[in-house]
Amino acid sequence: MTEEVKQKNKDMENKEVGMAKKEENQKQKDTKQEPDNSKKDVSVEELKKQLAQKEQELNEMKEKVLRLAAELENFKKRIQKEKEDHMRYALETFARELLPFLDNLERAISAAKETKDIDKLLEGLDLTLSGYFKTLEKFGLKPFVALGERFDPNIHEALGVEENEEVDENTVVKELLKGYKLHDRVLRPAMVVVSKKPNNSNGGSSSN
């Protein structure tokens, strides 16, 4: 065999080896580019599992919110009922304290129809009234003094004016109706007559 033929055979062998390597490399590339379906399937299943878990948690939270809302509504109803009961029966103790005085007044009226002893009747009424005022004071209700005091529109209501030289102007000279305070708040102002200085003319006469 000549040298030329040997060289051709060698070139052909090298070419075949090169082609074989090229095909092998292409196969390896194709293998790398193929998607890993198993990993993809695992990822989707995991996402489905997480989604189901979140949905369960959401349902549990909804149930919890509904339960709390129902409890809050029941609490509001209970508070409203207690408030209504308190307003309805707030004066129960006060009213119970007043019952003996009503009984005494009824006895006094019955006695007045059967006796002519007015002094004894008045004495009983005075005792009843005194006890009544003491009971009112227990609950913070008491009258305040107006006669002789300087007129104060916050606690007095002037129903008239009277000329008076003996006292300063704007002094309460008559108390037509007592004023009362409940603790520190005016429950009813005192109905009063207030003084003013006489209007004297140059001749010394006075006019109303």
Protein backbone atom coordinates (compact mmCIF):
# COMPACT_ATOMS: atom_id res chain seq x y z
CA MET A 1 0.00 0.00 0.00
CA THR A 2 1.38 3.36 -0.95
CA GLU A 3 1.86 6.28 1.40
CA GLU A 4 -0.85 8.27 -0.31
CA VAL A 5 -3.47 5.58 0.31
CA LYS A 6 -2.48 5.29 3.94
CA GLN A 7 -2.85 9.01 4.41
CA LYS A 8 -6.36 8.95 2.89
CA ASN A 9 -7.43 6.12 5.17
CA LYS A 10 -6.08 7.96 8.16
CA ASP A 11 -7.92 11.13 7.20
CA MET A 12 -11.15 9.17 6.83
CA GLU A 13 -10.71 7.58 10.23
CA ASN A 14 -10.08 10.97 11.83
CA LYS A 15 -13.15 12.34 10.10
CA GLU A 16 -15.31 9.47 11.33
CA VAL A 17 -13.97 9.91 14.88
CA GLY A 18 -14.70 13.63 14.71
CA MET A 19 -18.23 13.02 13.52
CA ALA A 20 -18.77 10.44 16.25
CA LYS A 21 -17.61 12.94 18.91
CA LYS A 22 -19.77 15.62 17.41
CA GLU A 23 -22.84 13.37 17.60
CA GLU A 24 -22.00 12.46 21.19
CA ASN A 25 -21.68 16.10 22.16
CA GLN A 26 -25.01 16.91 20.49
CA LYS A 27 -26.67 14.07 22.41
CA GLN A 28 -25.28 15.42 25.65
CA LYS A 29 -26.60 18.91 24.83
CA ASP A 30 -30.03 17.55 23.97
CA THR A 31 -30.05 15.60 27.21
CA LYS A 32 -29.25 18.74 29.20
CA GLN A 33 -31.95 20.78 27.44
CA GLU A 34 -34.72 18.26 28.14
CA PRO A 35 -36.97 19.51 31.00
CA ASP A 36 -36.96 17.62 34.26
CA ASN A 37 -40.64 16.69 34.36
CA SER A 38 -40.25 14.91 37.67
CA LYS A 39 -39.03 18.09 39.37
CA LYS A 40 -41.79 20.09 37.70
CA ASP A 41 -44.41 17.61 38.91
CA VAL A 42 -43.04 17.77 42.45
CA SER A 43 -43.18 21.60 42.45
CA VAL A 44 -46.82 21.69 41.25
CA GLU A 45 -47.87 19.15 43.87
CA GLU A 46 -46.15 21.15 46.55
CA LEU A 47 -47.93 24.33 45.43
CA LYS A 48 -51.28 22.54 45.45
CA LYS A 49 -50.57 21.29 48.95
CA GLN A 50 -49.65 24.78 50.17
CA LEU A 51 -52.75 26.25 48.51
CA ALA A 52 -54.99 23.70 50.24
CA GLN A 53 -53.34 24.49 53.57
CA LYS A 54 -53.88 28.22 53.10
CA GLU A 55 -57.51 27.66 52.16
CA GLN A 56 -57.99 25.64 55.34
CA GLU A 57 -56.37 28.38 57.41
CA LEU A 58 -58.59 30.97 55.73
CA ASN A 59 -61.72 28.97 56.52
CA GLU A 60 -60.62 28.63 60.13
CA MET A 61 -60.06 32.38 60.35
CA LYS A 62 -63.50 33.05 58.85
CA GLU A 63 -65.11 30.79 61.45
CA LYS A 64 -63.17 32.52 64.21
CA VAL A 65 -64.23 35.98 62.99
CA LEU A 66 -67.89 34.90 62.78
CA ARG A 67 -67.70 33.44 66.28
CA LEU A 68 -66.15 36.63 67.68
CA ALA A 69 -68.77 38.74 65.90
CA ALA A 70 -71.55 36.65 67.45
CA GLU A 71 -69.97 36.96 70.90
CA LEU A 72 -69.65 40.74 70.47
CA GLU A 73 -73.29 41.02 69.43
CA ASN A 74 -74.38 39.00 72.46
CA PHE A 75 -72.20 41.18 74.69
CA LYS A 76 -73.77 44.37 73.27
CA LYS A 77 -77.27 42.99 73.85
CA ARG A 78 -76.40 42.02 77.43
CA ILE A 79 -74.94 45.47 78.17
CA GLN A 80 -77.99 47.15 76.65
CA LYS A 81 -80.33 45.04 78.79
CA GLU A 82 -78.31 45.77 81.94
CA LYS A 83 -78.40 49.48 81.10
CA GLU A 84 -82.17 49.41 80.62
CA ASP A 85 -82.64 47.49 83.88
CA HIS A 86 -80.39 49.94 85.72
CA MET A 87 -82.32 52.94 84.40
CA ARG A 88 -85.62 51.27 85.24
CA TYR A 89 -84.69 50.32 88.80
CA ALA A 90 -82.07 53.00 89.65
CA LEU A 91 -84.50 54.70 92.04
CA GLU A 92 -85.51 51.47 93.77
CA THR A 93 -83.50 52.16 96.94
CA PHE A 94 -84.58 55.80 96.98
CA ALA A 95 -88.24 54.90 96.54
CA ARG A 96 -88.03 52.28 99.32
CA GLU A 97 -86.65 54.92 101.69
CA LEU A 98 -89.60 57.20 100.96
CA LEU A 99 -92.31 54.64 101.62
CA PRO A 100 -92.38 55.16 105.45
CA PHE A 101 -93.06 58.87 104.95
CA LEU A 102 -95.95 58.14 102.63
CA ASP A 103 -97.30 55.81 105.31
CA ASN A 104 -96.95 58.55 107.95
CA LEU A 105 -98.68 61.11 105.74
CA GLU A 106 -101.57 58.73 105.19
CA ARG A 107 -101.83 58.19 108.95
CA ALA A 108 -101.76 61.95 109.52
CA ILE A 109 -104.62 62.48 107.07
CA SER A 110 -106.64 59.74 108.74
CA ALA A 111 -105.95 61.22 112.17
CA ALA A 112 -106.90 64.71 110.97
CA LYS A 113 -110.33 63.41 110.03
CA GLU A 114 -110.89 61.92 113.49
CA THR A 115 -109.32 64.43 115.90
CA LYS A 116 -109.48 68.12 116.63
CA ASP A 117 -106.06 68.22 118.27
CA ILE A 118 -104.34 70.35 115.60
CA ASP A 119 -101.18 70.85 117.65
CA LYS A 120 -100.58 67.12 117.90
CA LEU A 121 -101.27 66.74 114.19
CA LEU A 122 -98.81 69.52 113.31
CA GLU A 123 -96.18 67.94 115.53
CA GLY A 124 -96.53 64.65 113.69
CA LEU A 125 -96.32 66.38 110.33
CA ASP A 126 -93.18 68.26 111.41
CA LEU A 127 -91.51 65.00 112.42
CA THR A 128 -92.49 63.39 109.15
CA LEU A 129 -91.17 66.31 107.11
CA SER A 130 -87.92 66.42 109.09
CA GLY A 131 -87.32 62.72 108.49
CA TYR A 132 -88.16 63.18 104.82
CA PHE A 133 -85.51 65.88 104.39
CA LYS A 134 -82.91 63.73 106.16
CA THR A 135 -83.64 60.90 103.74
CA LEU A 136 -83.27 63.23 100.77
CA GLU A 137 -79.90 64.40 102.08
CA LYS A 138 -78.71 60.76 102.22
CA PHE A 139 -79.10 60.71 98.45
CA GLY A 140 -77.41 64.08 97.92
CA LEU A 141 -80.59 66.14 97.53
CA LYS A 142 -80.83 69.16 99.82
CA PRO A 143 -82.16 72.73 99.79
CA PHE A 144 -79.83 75.71 99.80
CA VAL A 145 -80.25 79.05 101.53
CA ALA A 146 -81.37 81.93 99.33
CA LEU A 147 -82.86 84.53 101.71
CA GLY A 148 -80.37 87.29 102.48
CA GLU A 149 -77.91 86.11 99.84
CA ARG A 150 -76.76 88.17 96.88
CA PHE A 151 -78.72 87.33 93.76
CA ASP A 152 -76.95 84.71 91.64
CA PRO A 153 -78.59 83.83 88.31
CA ASN A 154 -76.91 80.42 88.44
CA ILE A 155 -78.95 79.34 91.46
CA HIS A 156 -81.72 81.94 91.73
CA GLU A 157 -84.61 82.87 89.50
CA ALA A 158 -85.98 86.36 90.11
CA LEU A 159 -89.77 86.54 89.99
CA GLY A 160 -89.94 90.15 91.13
CA VAL A 161 -88.10 93.22 92.38
CA GLU A 162 -88.83 95.08 95.63
CA GLU A 163 -87.54 98.44 96.78
CA ASN A 164 -85.69 98.13 100.05
CA GLU A 165 -83.41 100.63 101.78
CA GLU A 166 -82.22 98.29 104.50
CA VAL A 167 -80.21 95.89 102.32
CA ASP A 168 -77.81 96.18 99.43
CA GLU A 169 -79.20 96.15 95.94
CA ASN A 170 -79.63 92.73 94.28
CA THR A 171 -80.14 90.98 97.60
CA VAL A 172 -82.70 88.21 97.93
CA VAL A 173 -85.40 89.62 100.24
CA LYS A 174 -88.06 86.96 99.73
CA GLU A 175 -87.90 83.26 98.96
CA LEU A 176 -91.08 82.18 97.21
CA LEU A 177 -89.94 78.64 96.49
CA LYS A 178 -86.93 76.76 97.84
CA GLY A 179 -84.08 75.82 95.58
CA TYR A 180 -82.50 72.38 95.64
CA LYS A 181 -79.16 70.88 94.67
CA LEU A 182 -78.42 67.29 93.80
CA HIS A 183 -74.84 66.92 95.04
CA ASP A 184 -73.12 69.91 93.35
CA ARG A 185 -75.65 70.43 90.58
CA VAL A 186 -78.64 72.77 90.81
CA LEU A 187 -81.76 70.65 90.51
CA ARG A 188 -84.13 73.58 90.84
CA PRO A 189 -83.25 77.28 91.27
CA ALA A 190 -84.80 79.18 94.14
CA MET A 191 -87.72 81.42 93.12
CA VAL A 192 -86.97 84.77 94.75
CA VAL A 193 -87.72 88.48 94.98
CA VAL A 194 -84.69 90.77 94.67
CA SER A 195 -84.11 94.14 96.26
CA LYS A 196 -83.39 97.45 94.59
CA LYS A 197 -82.80 100.94 95.92
CA PRO A 198 -85.83 103.28 96.02
CA ASN A 199 -86.07 105.91 93.30
CA ASN A 200 -86.23 109.20 95.23
CA SER A 201 -87.17 112.44 93.45
CA ASN A 202 -85.49 115.80 94.12
CA GLY A 203 -88.40 116.72 96.38
CA GLY A 204 -87.75 113.72 98.59
CA SER A 205 -90.77 111.72 97.46
CA SER A 206 -90.40 108.14 96.17
CA SER A 207 -92.09 106.50 93.24
CA ASN A 208 -92.41 102.87 92.21
